[in-house]
């Protein structure tokens, strides 16, 4: 699988316009035809603007990171959902053994809270982040957010890749790219 083939499939399935595909491939010209690992194939979805990545390594701060992550997801979703007031409501105790927090925000003015367990101020709770990203899909849109699965090597940390796609588009990604969805 190559970046060029990923772009062509995204265009064929209506996930990106021809203009978007060409622009991304122009920017990726130096590596567009290199063979991709399964993880790089999943990560390429973000490069084409149809996915967001929940970083597995440290981030600056969960207090700002979630807001940026949800803003990016809402933008990919076409702005049909407005996410505001993203904040961490800290639970009791310290982070050493894990702290039970809430990831809270307003979705189109209505409060949403997602339980989150944090072990550090600079690492996402991936499950909470993915559930919050799912809230950015517009209600009247046939697309929904799904966590992209791919073969993983033991001991390697991977970003969580969330793609916004219709059931038919997910089927094409499964058949042609070997991706699975959680």
N, C-alpha and C. Protein backbone atom coordinates (compact mmCIF):
# COMPACT_ATOMS: atom_id res chain seq x y z
N UNK A 1 0.84 -1.17 0.00
CA UNK A 1 0.00 0.00 0.00
C UNK A 1 0.89 1.24 0.00
N UNK A 2 0.49 2.24 -0.75
CA UNK A 2 1.24 3.51 -0.82
C UNK A 2 0.32 4.67 -0.49
N UNK A 3 0.92 5.80 -0.19
CA UNK A 3 0.17 7.03 0.09
C UNK A 3 -0.69 7.39 -1.12
N UNK A 4 -0.13 7.19 -2.32
CA UNK A 4 -0.86 7.49 -3.55
C UNK A 4 -2.11 6.62 -3.66
N UNK A 5 -1.99 5.34 -3.34
CA UNK A 5 -3.15 4.43 -3.42
C UNK A 5 -4.19 4.79 -2.36
N UNK A 6 -3.75 5.16 -1.17
CA UNK A 6 -4.69 5.60 -0.12
C UNK A 6 -5.48 6.80 -0.63
N UNK A 7 -4.78 7.78 -1.20
CA UNK A 7 -5.45 8.97 -1.73
C UNK A 7 -6.45 8.64 -2.81
N UNK A 8 -6.07 7.75 -3.72
CA UNK A 8 -6.99 7.36 -4.80
C UNK A 8 -8.24 6.70 -4.24
N UNK A 9 -8.07 5.83 -3.26
CA UNK A 9 -9.22 5.15 -2.67
C UNK A 9 -10.12 6.16 -1.95
N UNK A 10 -9.53 7.09 -1.22
CA UNK A 10 -10.34 8.10 -0.52
C UNK A 10 -11.13 8.94 -1.52
N UNK A 11 -10.52 9.24 -2.65
CA UNK A 11 -11.23 9.98 -3.70
C UNK A 11 -12.32 9.12 -4.33
N UNK A 12 -12.01 7.88 -4.65
CA UNK A 12 -12.99 6.97 -5.28
C UNK A 12 -14.22 6.76 -4.41
N UNK A 13 -14.04 6.77 -3.10
CA UNK A 13 -15.15 6.55 -2.18
C UNK A 13 -15.85 7.84 -1.76
N UNK A 14 -15.41 8.98 -2.29
CA UNK A 14 -16.04 10.25 -1.97
C UNK A 14 -15.63 10.86 -0.65
N UNK A 15 -14.56 10.34 -0.06
CA UNK A 15 -14.12 10.88 1.22
C UNK A 15 -13.32 12.17 1.05
N UNK A 16 -12.65 12.33 -0.08
CA UNK A 16 -11.92 13.57 -0.39
C UNK A 16 -12.17 13.94 -1.84
N UNK A 17 -12.10 15.21 -2.12
CA UNK A 17 -12.25 15.70 -3.49
C UNK A 17 -10.97 15.40 -4.28
N UNK A 18 -11.08 15.48 -5.58
CA UNK A 18 -9.90 15.29 -6.41
C UNK A 18 -8.86 16.37 -6.10
N UNK A 19 -9.34 17.59 -5.90
CA UNK A 19 -8.43 18.69 -5.58
C UNK A 19 -7.67 18.42 -4.28
N UNK A 20 -8.36 17.96 -3.25
CA UNK A 20 -7.73 17.64 -1.97
C UNK A 20 -6.72 16.51 -2.17
N UNK A 21 -7.11 15.47 -2.89
CA UNK A 21 -6.22 14.34 -3.13
C UNK A 21 -4.94 14.81 -3.82
N UNK A 22 -5.09 15.59 -4.87
CA UNK A 22 -3.93 16.06 -5.63
C UNK A 22 -3.02 16.95 -4.77
N UNK A 23 -3.62 17.83 -3.98
CA UNK A 23 -2.84 18.72 -3.13
C UNK A 23 -2.02 17.95 -2.10
N UNK A 24 -2.63 16.98 -1.46
CA UNK A 24 -1.92 16.18 -0.46
C UNK A 24 -0.81 15.38 -1.13
N UNK A 25 -1.12 14.79 -2.28
CA UNK A 25 -0.10 13.99 -2.97
C UNK A 25 1.05 14.86 -3.48
N UNK A 26 0.76 16.09 -3.88
CA UNK A 26 1.85 17.00 -4.27
C UNK A 26 2.77 17.28 -3.08
N UNK A 27 2.17 17.51 -1.92
CA UNK A 27 2.97 17.76 -0.72
C UNK A 27 3.76 16.52 -0.30
N UNK A 28 3.25 15.33 -0.64
CA UNK A 28 3.87 14.07 -0.25
C UNK A 28 4.67 13.44 -1.39
N UNK A 29 4.99 14.22 -2.40
CA UNK A 29 5.62 13.68 -3.61
C UNK A 29 6.88 12.85 -3.31
N UNK A 30 7.66 13.24 -2.34
CA UNK A 30 8.91 12.54 -2.04
C UNK A 30 8.69 11.12 -1.53
N UNK A 31 7.52 10.84 -0.96
CA UNK A 31 7.28 9.51 -0.39
C UNK A 31 5.93 8.91 -0.81
N UNK A 32 5.25 9.51 -1.76
CA UNK A 32 3.91 9.07 -2.17
C UNK A 32 3.85 7.64 -2.69
N UNK A 33 4.97 7.13 -3.20
CA UNK A 33 4.97 5.78 -3.75
C UNK A 33 5.76 4.79 -2.90
N UNK A 34 6.16 5.20 -1.72
CA UNK A 34 6.85 4.29 -0.79
C UNK A 34 5.82 3.34 -0.18
N UNK A 35 6.25 2.12 0.09
CA UNK A 35 5.38 1.13 0.71
C UNK A 35 5.12 1.53 2.17
N UNK A 36 3.86 1.46 2.58
CA UNK A 36 3.45 1.85 3.93
C UNK A 36 3.25 0.62 4.81
N UNK A 37 3.60 0.76 6.08
CA UNK A 37 3.25 -0.24 7.07
C UNK A 37 1.75 -0.13 7.33
N UNK A 38 1.15 -1.13 7.96
CA UNK A 38 -0.28 -1.00 8.29
C UNK A 38 -0.59 0.23 9.15
N UNK A 39 0.29 0.54 10.11
CA UNK A 39 0.07 1.73 10.94
C UNK A 39 0.18 3.00 10.11
N UNK A 40 1.18 3.08 9.24
CA UNK A 40 1.35 4.26 8.38
C UNK A 40 0.16 4.41 7.43
N UNK A 41 -0.42 3.31 7.01
CA UNK A 41 -1.62 3.37 6.17
C UNK A 41 -2.76 4.02 6.95
N UNK A 42 -2.95 3.60 8.20
CA UNK A 42 -3.98 4.21 9.04
C UNK A 42 -3.69 5.68 9.28
N UNK A 43 -2.43 6.00 9.57
CA UNK A 43 -2.04 7.39 9.84
C UNK A 43 -2.20 8.27 8.60
N UNK A 44 -2.09 7.70 7.41
CA UNK A 44 -2.25 8.47 6.17
C UNK A 44 -3.65 9.08 6.09
N UNK A 45 -4.63 8.45 6.71
CA UNK A 45 -5.99 9.00 6.70
C UNK A 45 -6.01 10.40 7.30
N UNK A 46 -5.20 10.62 8.32
CA UNK A 46 -5.12 11.95 8.92
C UNK A 46 -4.50 12.93 7.93
N UNK A 47 -3.49 12.50 7.21
CA UNK A 47 -2.84 13.36 6.23
C UNK A 47 -3.79 13.84 5.15
N UNK A 48 -4.79 13.04 4.84
CA UNK A 48 -5.78 13.42 3.84
C UNK A 48 -6.98 14.16 4.44
N UNK A 49 -6.95 14.38 5.76
CA UNK A 49 -7.99 15.19 6.39
C UNK A 49 -9.29 14.48 6.67
N UNK A 50 -9.26 13.14 6.80
CA UNK A 50 -10.49 12.41 7.11
C UNK A 50 -10.41 11.71 8.46
N UNK A 51 -9.33 11.97 9.20
CA UNK A 51 -9.13 11.31 10.49
C UNK A 51 -8.39 12.26 11.43
N UNK A 52 -8.50 11.95 12.71
CA UNK A 52 -7.71 12.63 13.73
C UNK A 52 -6.92 11.57 14.49
N UNK A 53 -5.80 11.99 15.00
CA UNK A 53 -4.90 11.10 15.71
C UNK A 53 -4.81 11.54 17.17
N UNK A 54 -5.05 10.59 18.06
CA UNK A 54 -4.88 10.84 19.49
C UNK A 54 -3.45 10.41 19.82
N UNK A 55 -2.60 11.38 20.06
CA UNK A 55 -1.18 11.14 20.24
C UNK A 55 -0.90 10.20 21.42
N UNK A 56 -0.08 9.18 21.19
CA UNK A 56 0.25 8.21 22.23
C UNK A 56 1.37 8.68 23.14
N UNK A 57 2.22 9.56 22.63
CA UNK A 57 3.33 10.08 23.42
C UNK A 57 2.84 11.25 24.27
N UNK A 58 3.76 11.87 24.97
CA UNK A 58 3.35 13.00 25.81
C UNK A 58 2.95 14.20 24.96
N UNK A 59 2.03 14.96 25.52
CA UNK A 59 1.54 16.19 24.92
C UNK A 59 1.88 17.33 25.87
N UNK A 60 1.63 18.57 25.48
CA UNK A 60 1.94 19.69 26.37
C UNK A 60 1.12 19.60 27.66
N UNK A 61 -0.20 19.43 27.51
CA UNK A 61 -1.07 19.38 28.68
C UNK A 61 -2.45 18.86 28.27
N UNK A 62 -3.00 18.00 29.11
CA UNK A 62 -4.36 17.53 28.83
C UNK A 62 -5.35 18.69 28.89
N UNK A 63 -5.03 19.71 29.64
CA UNK A 63 -5.96 20.83 29.80
C UNK A 63 -6.16 21.60 28.50
N UNK A 64 -5.15 21.66 27.66
CA UNK A 64 -5.28 22.31 26.35
C UNK A 64 -5.41 21.28 25.22
N UNK A 65 -4.83 20.12 25.41
CA UNK A 65 -4.78 19.11 24.35
C UNK A 65 -6.14 18.62 23.89
N UNK A 66 -7.02 18.33 24.83
CA UNK A 66 -8.34 17.83 24.45
C UNK A 66 -9.11 18.87 23.63
N UNK A 67 -8.98 20.15 24.01
CA UNK A 67 -9.68 21.21 23.27
C UNK A 67 -9.21 21.25 21.82
N UNK A 68 -7.92 21.15 21.61
CA UNK A 68 -7.37 21.17 20.26
C UNK A 68 -7.80 19.93 19.48
N UNK A 69 -7.78 18.79 20.13
CA UNK A 69 -8.19 17.53 19.50
C UNK A 69 -9.65 17.59 19.05
N UNK A 70 -10.53 18.07 19.90
CA UNK A 70 -11.96 18.14 19.57
C UNK A 70 -12.23 19.21 18.51
N UNK A 71 -11.48 20.30 18.53
CA UNK A 71 -11.64 21.33 17.50
C UNK A 71 -11.26 20.75 16.14
N UNK A 72 -10.18 19.98 16.08
CA UNK A 72 -9.78 19.35 14.83
C UNK A 72 -10.81 18.36 14.32
N UNK A 73 -11.38 17.58 15.22
CA UNK A 73 -12.41 16.62 14.84
C UNK A 73 -13.65 17.33 14.33
N UNK A 74 -14.06 18.39 15.01
CA UNK A 74 -15.24 19.15 14.57
C UNK A 74 -15.01 19.76 13.19
N UNK A 75 -13.80 20.21 12.93
CA UNK A 75 -13.48 20.77 11.61
C UNK A 75 -13.57 19.71 10.52
N UNK A 76 -13.03 18.53 10.77
CA UNK A 76 -13.12 17.43 9.81
C UNK A 76 -14.57 17.07 9.56
N UNK A 77 -15.39 17.13 10.60
CA UNK A 77 -16.81 16.79 10.48
C UNK A 77 -17.60 17.86 9.75
N UNK A 78 -16.95 18.93 9.34
CA UNK A 78 -17.62 19.95 8.54
C UNK A 78 -18.24 21.07 9.33
N UNK A 79 -17.97 21.14 10.61
CA UNK A 79 -18.48 22.25 11.41
C UNK A 79 -19.95 22.16 11.76
N UNK A 80 -20.57 21.01 11.55
CA UNK A 80 -21.99 20.86 11.89
C UNK A 80 -22.23 20.78 13.39
N UNK A 81 -21.17 20.60 14.15
CA UNK A 81 -21.25 20.54 15.61
C UNK A 81 -20.26 21.57 16.16
N UNK A 82 -20.71 22.35 17.13
CA UNK A 82 -19.84 23.31 17.79
C UNK A 82 -19.47 22.75 19.15
N UNK A 83 -18.18 22.68 19.40
CA UNK A 83 -17.67 22.19 20.68
C UNK A 83 -17.02 23.38 21.39
N UNK A 84 -17.48 23.66 22.61
CA UNK A 84 -16.95 24.77 23.39
C UNK A 84 -16.71 24.32 24.83
N UNK A 85 -15.98 25.14 25.54
CA UNK A 85 -15.80 24.93 26.98
C UNK A 85 -15.14 23.61 27.35
N UNK A 86 -14.21 23.15 26.55
CA UNK A 86 -13.56 21.87 26.85
C UNK A 86 -12.68 22.04 28.08
N UNK A 87 -12.88 21.15 29.04
CA UNK A 87 -12.13 21.25 30.29
C UNK A 87 -12.05 19.89 30.98
N UNK A 88 -11.07 19.77 31.85
CA UNK A 88 -10.92 18.59 32.69
C UNK A 88 -11.48 18.94 34.06
N UNK A 89 -12.41 18.15 34.53
CA UNK A 89 -12.91 18.27 35.90
C UNK A 89 -12.14 17.22 36.69
N UNK A 90 -11.19 17.69 37.48
CA UNK A 90 -10.29 16.77 38.17
C UNK A 90 -10.99 16.05 39.31
N UNK A 91 -10.71 14.75 39.38
CA UNK A 91 -11.22 13.93 40.47
C UNK A 91 -10.34 14.09 41.70
N UNK A 92 -10.62 13.29 42.69
CA UNK A 92 -9.87 13.35 43.95
C UNK A 92 -8.55 12.64 43.83
N UNK A 93 -7.58 13.11 44.58
CA UNK A 93 -6.29 12.44 44.67
C UNK A 93 -5.31 12.85 43.60
N UNK A 94 -4.18 12.17 43.65
CA UNK A 94 -3.11 12.46 42.71
C UNK A 94 -3.17 11.58 41.48
N UNK A 95 -2.19 11.76 40.63
CA UNK A 95 -2.15 11.05 39.36
C UNK A 95 -1.36 9.74 39.44
N UNK A 96 -0.62 9.51 40.51
CA UNK A 96 0.29 8.37 40.60
C UNK A 96 -0.39 7.04 40.26
N UNK A 97 -1.54 6.78 40.84
CA UNK A 97 -2.24 5.51 40.60
C UNK A 97 -3.39 5.66 39.63
N UNK A 98 -3.49 6.81 39.02
CA UNK A 98 -4.61 7.08 38.12
C UNK A 98 -5.67 7.89 38.85
N UNK A 99 -6.09 8.96 38.23
CA UNK A 99 -7.11 9.82 38.81
C UNK A 99 -8.34 9.77 37.93
N UNK A 100 -9.50 9.57 38.53
CA UNK A 100 -10.76 9.54 37.79
C UNK A 100 -11.26 10.96 37.59
N UNK A 101 -11.13 11.45 36.35
CA UNK A 101 -11.55 12.79 35.98
C UNK A 101 -12.77 12.72 35.08
N UNK A 102 -13.27 13.88 34.71
CA UNK A 102 -14.28 14.00 33.66
C UNK A 102 -13.73 14.92 32.59
N UNK A 103 -13.88 14.53 31.34
CA UNK A 103 -13.62 15.40 30.21
C UNK A 103 -14.98 16.02 29.89
N UNK A 104 -15.12 17.31 30.15
CA UNK A 104 -16.41 17.98 30.01
C UNK A 104 -16.33 19.05 28.92
N UNK A 105 -17.44 19.23 28.20
CA UNK A 105 -17.53 20.25 27.16
C UNK A 105 -18.99 20.45 26.80
N UNK A 106 -19.23 21.46 25.97
CA UNK A 106 -20.58 21.67 25.46
C UNK A 106 -20.58 21.31 23.97
N UNK A 107 -21.55 20.53 23.58
CA UNK A 107 -21.77 20.15 22.18
C UNK A 107 -23.04 20.86 21.74
N UNK A 108 -22.87 21.83 20.84
CA UNK A 108 -24.01 22.64 20.41
C UNK A 108 -24.77 23.20 21.62
N UNK A 109 -24.01 23.63 22.62
CA UNK A 109 -24.58 24.26 23.80
C UNK A 109 -25.08 23.31 24.86
N UNK A 110 -25.07 22.00 24.61
CA UNK A 110 -25.55 21.03 25.60
C UNK A 110 -24.36 20.36 26.27
N UNK A 111 -24.41 20.23 27.60
CA UNK A 111 -23.27 19.65 28.32
C UNK A 111 -23.05 18.17 28.00
N UNK A 112 -21.79 17.82 27.86
CA UNK A 112 -21.37 16.43 27.65
C UNK A 112 -20.23 16.17 28.62
N UNK A 113 -20.22 15.01 29.24
CA UNK A 113 -19.08 14.64 30.07
C UNK A 113 -18.72 13.19 29.79
N UNK A 114 -17.43 12.96 29.72
CA UNK A 114 -16.90 11.64 29.41
C UNK A 114 -15.93 11.28 30.54
N UNK A 115 -16.15 10.14 31.21
CA UNK A 115 -15.19 9.72 32.24
C UNK A 115 -13.81 9.52 31.62
N UNK A 116 -12.77 9.98 32.34
CA UNK A 116 -11.40 9.85 31.85
C UNK A 116 -10.50 9.51 33.02
N UNK A 117 -9.57 8.61 32.78
CA UNK A 117 -8.59 8.26 33.80
C UNK A 117 -7.24 8.79 33.35
N UNK A 118 -6.66 9.63 34.17
CA UNK A 118 -5.37 10.24 33.83
C UNK A 118 -4.30 9.81 34.83
N UNK A 119 -3.14 9.47 34.28
CA UNK A 119 -1.99 9.08 35.08
C UNK A 119 -0.91 10.15 35.06
N UNK A 120 -1.10 11.15 34.20
CA UNK A 120 -0.15 12.26 34.07
C UNK A 120 -0.87 13.43 33.42
N UNK A 121 -0.34 14.63 33.63
CA UNK A 121 -0.93 15.84 33.06
C UNK A 121 -0.66 15.97 31.55
N UNK A 122 0.23 15.11 31.04
CA UNK A 122 0.64 15.26 29.65
C UNK A 122 0.41 14.01 28.79
N UNK A 123 -0.57 13.18 29.19
CA UNK A 123 -0.96 12.01 28.38
C UNK A 123 -2.48 11.91 28.33
N UNK A 124 -2.99 11.68 27.11
CA UNK A 124 -4.43 11.49 26.95
C UNK A 124 -4.89 10.16 27.54
N UNK A 125 -6.13 10.13 27.93
CA UNK A 125 -6.85 8.87 28.13
C UNK A 125 -7.43 8.57 26.75
N UNK A 126 -6.89 7.59 26.05
CA UNK A 126 -7.28 7.34 24.66
C UNK A 126 -8.75 6.96 24.52
N UNK A 127 -9.23 6.15 25.43
CA UNK A 127 -10.64 5.75 25.34
C UNK A 127 -11.55 6.97 25.50
N UNK A 128 -11.25 7.82 26.47
CA UNK A 128 -12.05 9.03 26.68
C UNK A 128 -11.95 9.96 25.47
N UNK A 129 -10.74 10.13 24.95
CA UNK A 129 -10.55 11.00 23.79
C UNK A 129 -11.36 10.50 22.60
N UNK A 130 -11.33 9.21 22.35
CA UNK A 130 -12.07 8.65 21.22
C UNK A 130 -13.58 8.80 21.41
N UNK A 131 -14.06 8.60 22.63
CA UNK A 131 -15.50 8.79 22.88
C UNK A 131 -15.90 10.25 22.70
N UNK A 132 -15.03 11.16 23.12
CA UNK A 132 -15.32 12.59 22.94
C UNK A 132 -15.30 12.97 21.46
N UNK A 133 -14.35 12.47 20.70
CA UNK A 133 -14.29 12.73 19.26
C UNK A 133 -15.58 12.28 18.60
N UNK A 134 -16.10 11.14 19.01
CA UNK A 134 -17.35 10.62 18.42
C UNK A 134 -18.50 11.61 18.56
N UNK A 135 -18.44 12.46 19.57
CA UNK A 135 -19.50 13.45 19.80
C UNK A 135 -19.48 14.59 18.78
N UNK A 136 -18.43 14.68 17.97
CA UNK A 136 -18.34 15.78 17.00
C UNK A 136 -19.01 15.47 15.66
N UNK A 137 -19.51 14.26 15.48
CA UNK A 137 -20.21 13.91 14.24
C UNK A 137 -21.60 14.56 14.25
N UNK A 138 -21.96 15.27 13.19
CA UNK A 138 -23.29 15.89 13.15
C UNK A 138 -24.39 14.83 13.17
N UNK A 139 -25.50 15.16 13.81
CA UNK A 139 -26.61 14.21 13.97
C UNK A 139 -27.20 13.76 12.63
N UNK A 140 -27.23 14.64 11.65
CA UNK A 140 -27.89 14.33 10.37
C UNK A 140 -26.90 13.87 9.31
N UNK A 141 -25.73 13.42 9.72
CA UNK A 141 -24.66 13.02 8.80
C UNK A 141 -24.58 11.49 8.79
N UNK A 142 -24.52 10.84 7.62
CA UNK A 142 -24.40 9.38 7.58
C UNK A 142 -23.02 8.88 8.05
N UNK A 143 -22.08 9.81 8.20
CA UNK A 143 -20.75 9.42 8.66
C UNK A 143 -20.71 9.38 10.19
N UNK A 144 -19.86 8.53 10.70
CA UNK A 144 -19.61 8.47 12.13
C UNK A 144 -18.13 8.18 12.34
N UNK A 145 -17.68 8.46 13.55
CA UNK A 145 -16.28 8.27 13.90
C UNK A 145 -16.04 6.84 14.36
N UNK A 146 -14.93 6.27 13.90
CA UNK A 146 -14.55 4.92 14.31
C UNK A 146 -13.05 4.84 14.52
N UNK A 147 -12.67 4.10 15.55
CA UNK A 147 -11.26 3.86 15.83
C UNK A 147 -10.73 2.87 14.81
N UNK A 148 -9.65 3.22 14.14
CA UNK A 148 -9.07 2.38 13.09
C UNK A 148 -8.18 1.32 13.72
N UNK A 149 -8.43 0.08 13.33
CA UNK A 149 -7.60 -1.03 13.78
C UNK A 149 -6.64 -1.46 12.69
N UNK A 150 -5.50 -1.99 13.10
CA UNK A 150 -4.47 -2.45 12.18
C UNK A 150 -3.59 -3.41 12.97
N UNK A 151 -2.84 -4.27 12.29
CA UNK A 151 -1.94 -5.18 13.02
C UNK A 151 -0.91 -4.39 13.82
N UNK A 152 -0.73 -4.79 15.06
CA UNK A 152 0.19 -4.09 15.96
C UNK A 152 1.31 -5.02 16.40
N UNK A 153 2.49 -4.42 16.56
CA UNK A 153 3.63 -5.15 17.09
C UNK A 153 3.67 -4.96 18.60
N UNK A 154 3.93 -6.01 19.36
CA UNK A 154 4.00 -5.89 20.82
C UNK A 154 5.07 -4.89 21.25
N UNK A 155 4.75 -4.15 22.31
CA UNK A 155 5.70 -3.24 22.90
C UNK A 155 5.84 -1.89 22.22
N UNK A 156 5.08 -1.65 21.17
CA UNK A 156 5.15 -0.37 20.46
C UNK A 156 3.90 0.44 20.79
N UNK A 157 4.08 1.71 21.11
CA UNK A 157 2.94 2.59 21.38
C UNK A 157 2.44 3.19 20.08
N UNK A 158 1.17 3.13 19.87
CA UNK A 158 0.56 3.65 18.65
C UNK A 158 -0.44 4.74 18.99
N UNK A 159 -0.50 5.77 18.13
CA UNK A 159 -1.58 6.74 18.25
C UNK A 159 -2.90 6.04 17.96
N UNK A 160 -3.96 6.53 18.55
CA UNK A 160 -5.30 6.07 18.16
C UNK A 160 -5.73 6.92 16.98
N UNK A 161 -6.14 6.29 15.90
CA UNK A 161 -6.56 6.99 14.69
C UNK A 161 -8.08 6.86 14.60
N UNK A 162 -8.76 7.99 14.57
CA UNK A 162 -10.23 8.01 14.45
C UNK A 162 -10.59 8.55 13.08
N UNK A 163 -11.36 7.77 12.31
CA UNK A 163 -11.75 8.17 10.95
C UNK A 163 -13.25 8.45 10.93
N UNK A 164 -13.62 9.45 10.14
CA UNK A 164 -15.02 9.81 9.95
C UNK A 164 -15.45 9.27 8.60
N UNK A 165 -16.36 8.28 8.61
CA UNK A 165 -16.73 7.61 7.35
C UNK A 165 -18.13 7.01 7.45
N UNK A 166 -18.73 6.82 6.28
CA UNK A 166 -20.01 6.10 6.19
C UNK A 166 -19.73 4.60 6.31
N UNK A 167 -20.76 3.80 6.53
CA UNK A 167 -20.55 2.34 6.55
C UNK A 167 -19.94 1.83 5.24
N UNK A 168 -20.37 2.37 4.12
CA UNK A 168 -19.83 1.94 2.82
C UNK A 168 -18.35 2.31 2.70
N UNK A 169 -18.00 3.50 3.14
CA UNK A 169 -16.60 3.93 3.08
C UNK A 169 -15.74 3.07 4.00
N UNK A 170 -16.24 2.74 5.18
CA UNK A 170 -15.49 1.85 6.08
C UNK A 170 -15.30 0.49 5.43
N UNK A 171 -16.32 0.01 4.73
CA UNK A 171 -16.20 -1.26 4.02
C UNK A 171 -15.10 -1.22 2.98
N UNK A 172 -15.00 -0.13 2.24
CA UNK A 172 -13.95 0.02 1.22
C UNK A 172 -12.58 0.09 1.88
N UNK A 173 -12.47 0.80 3.00
CA UNK A 173 -11.19 0.89 3.71
C UNK A 173 -10.78 -0.49 4.23
N UNK A 174 -11.75 -1.28 4.66
CA UNK A 174 -11.48 -2.63 5.14
C UNK A 174 -11.00 -3.53 3.99
N UNK A 175 -11.77 -3.51 2.90
CA UNK A 175 -11.44 -4.38 1.75
C UNK A 175 -10.14 -4.01 1.09
N UNK A 176 -9.91 -2.73 0.86
CA UNK A 176 -8.77 -2.30 0.05
C UNK A 176 -7.51 -1.94 0.83
N UNK A 177 -7.68 -1.56 2.09
CA UNK A 177 -6.52 -1.17 2.89
C UNK A 177 -6.22 -2.14 4.03
N UNK A 178 -7.15 -3.07 4.30
CA UNK A 178 -6.95 -4.03 5.37
C UNK A 178 -7.18 -3.46 6.75
N UNK A 179 -7.84 -2.32 6.84
CA UNK A 179 -8.11 -1.70 8.14
C UNK A 179 -9.36 -2.30 8.76
N UNK A 180 -9.40 -2.30 10.07
CA UNK A 180 -10.59 -2.74 10.80
C UNK A 180 -11.06 -1.57 11.65
N UNK A 181 -12.22 -1.72 12.26
CA UNK A 181 -12.80 -0.60 13.02
C UNK A 181 -13.40 -1.07 14.32
N UNK A 182 -13.13 -0.27 15.36
CA UNK A 182 -13.66 -0.58 16.68
C UNK A 182 -14.85 0.27 16.99
